[in-house]
Amino acid sequence: MRVEGFNGLLMNFVQEHDARVVLRGLRAVSDFEYEFQLAGMNRQSVSEVETLFLTPAEKYTFISATMVREVARFGGDVSKFVSPYVVEKLRQKN
């Protein structure tokens, strides 16, 4: 495996390098629909290339502020998702 930058269409790059797999990262569920459509379009273009989706560790995912506020409101620990300053402000508010 190797990582390379390129300009142009992904499937052209894949064919030029005789690749068979494309790895794509998904940070949040909202990324999935776009990436799924893109993978389908790429498969129609070059059917022998597979797209694999990787999900990140929790610390690299998108966490909504609404979700953090709700967890904090019910006394949950949000220190893994926000800075100590924000943790303190949420404690004061609740």
N, C-alpha and C. Protein backbone atom coordinates (compact mmCIF):
# COMPACT_ATOMS: atom_id res chain seq x y z
N MET A 1 0.84 -1.17 0.00
CA MET A 1 0.00 0.00 0.00
C MET A 1 0.89 1.23 0.00
N ARG A 2 0.40 2.28 -0.67
CA ARG A 2 1.09 3.56 -0.62
C ARG A 2 0.07 4.68 -0.76
N VAL A 3 0.45 5.86 -0.34
CA VAL A 3 -0.41 7.03 -0.42
C VAL A 3 0.23 8.00 -1.40
N GLU A 4 -0.57 8.46 -2.38
CA GLU A 4 -0.06 9.39 -3.39
C GLU A 4 -1.11 10.44 -3.69
N GLY A 5 -0.65 11.64 -3.95
CA GLY A 5 -1.53 12.71 -4.39
C GLY A 5 -1.66 12.67 -5.91
N PHE A 6 -2.73 13.25 -6.42
CA PHE A 6 -2.94 13.28 -7.87
C PHE A 6 -3.92 14.37 -8.23
N ASN A 7 -3.98 14.69 -9.50
CA ASN A 7 -4.99 15.60 -10.06
C ASN A 7 -5.78 14.82 -11.09
N GLY A 8 -7.07 15.10 -11.19
CA GLY A 8 -7.89 14.41 -12.19
C GLY A 8 -8.84 13.42 -11.55
N LEU A 9 -9.38 12.54 -12.37
CA LEU A 9 -10.34 11.55 -11.89
C LEU A 9 -9.64 10.41 -11.16
N LEU A 10 -10.23 10.01 -10.05
CA LEU A 10 -9.68 8.92 -9.25
C LEU A 10 -9.53 7.65 -10.06
N MET A 11 -10.53 7.29 -10.84
CA MET A 11 -10.46 6.03 -11.58
C MET A 11 -9.38 6.05 -12.65
N ASN A 12 -9.08 7.21 -13.22
CA ASN A 12 -7.95 7.30 -14.15
C ASN A 12 -6.64 7.03 -13.41
N PHE A 13 -6.50 7.63 -12.23
CA PHE A 13 -5.31 7.42 -11.41
C PHE A 13 -5.17 5.94 -11.03
N VAL A 14 -6.27 5.34 -10.61
CA VAL A 14 -6.28 3.93 -10.20
C VAL A 14 -5.82 3.04 -11.35
N GLN A 15 -6.34 3.28 -12.53
CA GLN A 15 -5.96 2.47 -13.69
C GLN A 15 -4.50 2.68 -14.07
N GLU A 16 -4.03 3.92 -14.01
CA GLU A 16 -2.63 4.20 -14.34
C GLU A 16 -1.66 3.48 -13.40
N HIS A 17 -2.10 3.21 -12.18
CA HIS A 17 -1.24 2.56 -11.19
C HIS A 17 -1.61 1.10 -10.96
N ASP A 18 -2.47 0.58 -11.81
CA ASP A 18 -2.88 -0.82 -11.74
C ASP A 18 -3.34 -1.22 -10.33
N ALA A 19 -4.08 -0.31 -9.69
CA ALA A 19 -4.60 -0.56 -8.34
C ALA A 19 -5.91 -1.33 -8.42
N ARG A 20 -6.26 -1.99 -7.35
CA ARG A 20 -7.51 -2.77 -7.29
C ARG A 20 -8.41 -2.35 -6.15
N VAL A 21 -7.86 -1.56 -5.20
CA VAL A 21 -8.62 -1.15 -4.03
C VAL A 21 -8.37 0.33 -3.75
N VAL A 22 -9.46 1.02 -3.40
CA VAL A 22 -9.39 2.42 -2.97
C VAL A 22 -9.89 2.46 -1.53
N LEU A 23 -9.11 3.07 -0.64
CA LEU A 23 -9.52 3.23 0.75
C LEU A 23 -10.06 4.64 0.94
N ARG A 24 -11.24 4.74 1.54
CA ARG A 24 -11.86 6.04 1.81
C ARG A 24 -12.21 6.11 3.28
N GLY A 25 -11.96 7.26 3.89
CA GLY A 25 -12.27 7.46 5.29
C GLY A 25 -13.62 8.11 5.50
N LEU A 26 -14.35 7.64 6.49
CA LEU A 26 -15.64 8.22 6.86
C LEU A 26 -15.51 8.80 8.26
N ARG A 27 -15.65 10.12 8.39
CA ARG A 27 -15.57 10.73 9.71
C ARG A 27 -16.88 10.67 10.46
N ALA A 28 -17.97 10.71 9.70
CA ALA A 28 -19.30 10.71 10.32
C ALA A 28 -20.28 10.02 9.40
N VAL A 29 -21.42 9.66 9.94
CA VAL A 29 -22.45 9.01 9.13
C VAL A 29 -22.84 9.89 7.95
N SER A 30 -22.82 11.19 8.15
CA SER A 30 -23.19 12.11 7.07
C SER A 30 -22.27 11.99 5.87
N ASP A 31 -21.04 11.51 6.05
CA ASP A 31 -20.12 11.29 4.93
C ASP A 31 -20.54 10.09 4.08
N PHE A 32 -21.24 9.14 4.70
CA PHE A 32 -21.48 7.86 4.04
C PHE A 32 -22.28 7.99 2.75
N GLU A 33 -23.36 8.75 2.73
CA GLU A 33 -24.20 8.82 1.53
C GLU A 33 -23.41 9.31 0.32
N TYR A 34 -22.65 10.39 0.51
CA TYR A 34 -21.84 10.92 -0.59
C TYR A 34 -20.81 9.89 -1.04
N GLU A 35 -20.08 9.32 -0.09
CA GLU A 35 -19.03 8.35 -0.42
C GLU A 35 -19.61 7.10 -1.08
N PHE A 36 -20.78 6.66 -0.63
CA PHE A 36 -21.44 5.49 -1.21
C PHE A 36 -21.81 5.76 -2.67
N GLN A 37 -22.34 6.93 -2.95
CA GLN A 37 -22.69 7.30 -4.33
C GLN A 37 -21.43 7.37 -5.19
N LEU A 38 -20.38 7.95 -4.65
CA LEU A 38 -19.12 8.06 -5.37
C LEU A 38 -18.55 6.68 -5.69
N ALA A 39 -18.60 5.77 -4.71
CA ALA A 39 -18.10 4.41 -4.93
C ALA A 39 -18.91 3.71 -6.01
N GLY A 40 -20.22 3.91 -6.01
CA GLY A 40 -21.07 3.32 -7.05
C GLY A 40 -20.74 3.85 -8.43
N MET A 41 -20.52 5.15 -8.53
CA MET A 41 -20.15 5.75 -9.81
C MET A 41 -18.79 5.22 -10.27
N ASN A 42 -17.85 5.12 -9.34
CA ASN A 42 -16.53 4.59 -9.69
C ASN A 42 -16.62 3.13 -10.14
N ARG A 43 -17.47 2.35 -9.48
CA ARG A 43 -17.64 0.94 -9.86
C ARG A 43 -18.22 0.82 -11.27
N GLN A 44 -19.12 1.72 -11.63
CA GLN A 44 -19.67 1.71 -12.99
C GLN A 44 -18.59 2.04 -14.02
N SER A 45 -17.65 2.88 -13.61
CA SER A 45 -16.57 3.29 -14.50
C SER A 45 -15.51 2.21 -14.64
N VAL A 46 -15.10 1.61 -13.52
CA VAL A 46 -14.05 0.58 -13.51
C VAL A 46 -14.50 -0.51 -12.54
N SER A 47 -15.16 -1.52 -13.07
CA SER A 47 -15.84 -2.52 -12.23
C SER A 47 -14.92 -3.39 -11.39
N GLU A 48 -13.68 -3.53 -11.78
CA GLU A 48 -12.78 -4.42 -11.03
C GLU A 48 -12.13 -3.75 -9.81
N VAL A 49 -12.40 -2.49 -9.59
CA VAL A 49 -11.83 -1.77 -8.44
C VAL A 49 -12.86 -1.72 -7.31
N GLU A 50 -12.43 -2.12 -6.12
CA GLU A 50 -13.29 -2.09 -4.94
C GLU A 50 -12.98 -0.87 -4.09
N THR A 51 -13.99 -0.34 -3.44
CA THR A 51 -13.81 0.75 -2.50
C THR A 51 -14.07 0.22 -1.10
N LEU A 52 -13.12 0.44 -0.19
CA LEU A 52 -13.27 0.05 1.20
C LEU A 52 -13.39 1.31 2.05
N PHE A 53 -14.33 1.30 2.98
CA PHE A 53 -14.54 2.43 3.86
C PHE A 53 -13.94 2.14 5.23
N LEU A 54 -13.20 3.10 5.75
CA LEU A 54 -12.60 2.98 7.08
C LEU A 54 -13.22 4.04 7.99
N THR A 55 -13.50 3.64 9.21
CA THR A 55 -14.01 4.60 10.19
C THR A 55 -12.90 4.95 11.16
N PRO A 56 -12.87 6.18 11.63
CA PRO A 56 -11.77 6.62 12.50
C PRO A 56 -12.01 6.27 13.97
N ALA A 57 -10.96 6.40 14.74
CA ALA A 57 -11.10 6.31 16.20
C ALA A 57 -12.00 7.45 16.65
N GLU A 58 -12.66 7.26 17.76
CA GLU A 58 -13.63 8.25 18.24
C GLU A 58 -13.04 9.65 18.35
N LYS A 59 -11.77 9.75 18.72
CA LYS A 59 -11.19 11.09 18.92
C LYS A 59 -11.06 11.86 17.61
N TYR A 60 -11.20 11.19 16.46
CA TYR A 60 -11.11 11.87 15.18
C TYR A 60 -12.45 12.05 14.49
N THR A 61 -13.53 11.64 15.14
CA THR A 61 -14.84 11.77 14.52
C THR A 61 -15.47 13.11 14.86
N PHE A 62 -16.50 13.43 14.12
CA PHE A 62 -17.27 14.64 14.37
C PHE A 62 -18.27 14.33 15.47
N ILE A 63 -18.26 15.12 16.51
CA ILE A 63 -19.21 15.00 17.60
C ILE A 63 -20.03 16.28 17.63
N SER A 64 -21.36 16.18 17.58
CA SER A 64 -22.18 17.39 17.54
C SER A 64 -22.21 18.07 18.90
N ALA A 65 -22.23 19.40 18.87
CA ALA A 65 -22.31 20.18 20.10
C ALA A 65 -23.60 19.89 20.84
N THR A 66 -24.67 19.66 20.10
CA THR A 66 -25.96 19.33 20.73
C THR A 66 -25.85 18.06 21.55
N MET A 67 -25.17 17.06 21.01
CA MET A 67 -25.00 15.80 21.71
C MET A 67 -24.16 16.00 22.97
N VAL A 68 -23.09 16.78 22.87
CA VAL A 68 -22.23 17.04 24.02
C VAL A 68 -23.03 17.76 25.11
N ARG A 69 -23.81 18.77 24.73
CA ARG A 69 -24.62 19.50 25.72
C ARG A 69 -25.62 18.59 26.41
N GLU A 70 -26.24 17.70 25.64
CA GLU A 70 -27.23 16.80 26.24
C GLU A 70 -26.59 15.83 27.22
N VAL A 71 -25.46 15.27 26.87
CA VAL A 71 -24.76 14.36 27.79
C VAL A 71 -24.37 15.11 29.06
N ALA A 72 -23.84 16.33 28.90
CA ALA A 72 -23.45 17.13 30.06
C ALA A 72 -24.67 17.48 30.92
N ARG A 73 -25.77 17.79 30.30
CA ARG A 73 -27.00 18.16 31.03
C ARG A 73 -27.45 17.04 31.96
N PHE A 74 -27.23 15.81 31.55
CA PHE A 74 -27.63 14.66 32.37
C PHE A 74 -26.48 14.13 33.23
N GLY A 75 -25.42 14.93 33.37
CA GLY A 75 -24.33 14.57 34.26
C GLY A 75 -23.27 13.65 33.69
N GLY A 76 -23.31 13.43 32.38
CA GLY A 76 -22.31 12.57 31.76
C GLY A 76 -20.96 13.25 31.60
N ASP A 77 -19.93 12.46 31.46
CA ASP A 77 -18.56 12.95 31.29
C ASP A 77 -18.32 13.29 29.82
N VAL A 78 -18.07 14.56 29.53
CA VAL A 78 -17.80 14.99 28.15
C VAL A 78 -16.36 15.43 27.97
N SER A 79 -15.52 15.15 28.95
CA SER A 79 -14.13 15.62 28.92
C SER A 79 -13.31 15.06 27.76
N LYS A 80 -13.75 13.96 27.18
CA LYS A 80 -13.03 13.39 26.03
C LYS A 80 -13.36 14.13 24.74
N PHE A 81 -14.39 14.98 24.77
CA PHE A 81 -14.88 15.61 23.55
C PHE A 81 -14.64 17.11 23.48
N VAL A 82 -14.42 17.74 24.64
CA VAL A 82 -14.24 19.19 24.67
C VAL A 82 -13.10 19.55 25.61
N SER A 83 -12.66 20.80 25.53
CA SER A 83 -11.55 21.26 26.36
C SER A 83 -11.99 21.39 27.82
N PRO A 84 -11.02 21.40 28.75
CA PRO A 84 -11.36 21.56 30.17
C PRO A 84 -12.17 22.83 30.44
N TYR A 85 -11.89 23.90 29.72
CA TYR A 85 -12.64 25.15 29.89
C TYR A 85 -14.12 24.94 29.57
N VAL A 86 -14.40 24.25 28.49
CA VAL A 86 -15.79 23.98 28.10
C VAL A 86 -16.45 23.05 29.10
N VAL A 87 -15.73 22.05 29.58
CA VAL A 87 -16.27 21.14 30.60
C VAL A 87 -16.74 21.95 31.80
N GLU A 88 -15.89 22.87 32.26
CA GLU A 88 -16.24 23.69 33.42
C GLU A 88 -17.45 24.57 33.15
N LYS A 89 -17.51 25.19 32.00
CA LYS A 89 -18.66 26.04 31.65
C LYS A 89 -19.94 25.22 31.59
N LEU A 90 -19.87 24.03 31.07
CA LEU A 90 -21.06 23.16 31.02
C LEU A 90 -21.49 22.76 32.42
N ARG A 91 -20.53 22.49 33.30
CA ARG A 91 -20.85 22.16 34.69
C ARG A 91 -21.56 23.33 35.37
N GLN A 92 -21.04 24.54 35.14
CA GLN A 92 -21.64 25.74 35.74
C GLN A 92 -23.07 25.95 35.24
N LYS A 93 -23.29 25.70 33.98
CA LYS A 93 -24.60 25.91 33.38
C LYS A 93 -25.61 24.88 33.91
N ASN A 94 -25.17 23.68 34.13
CA ASN A 94 -26.08 22.62 34.56
C ASN A 94 -26.06 22.53 36.06
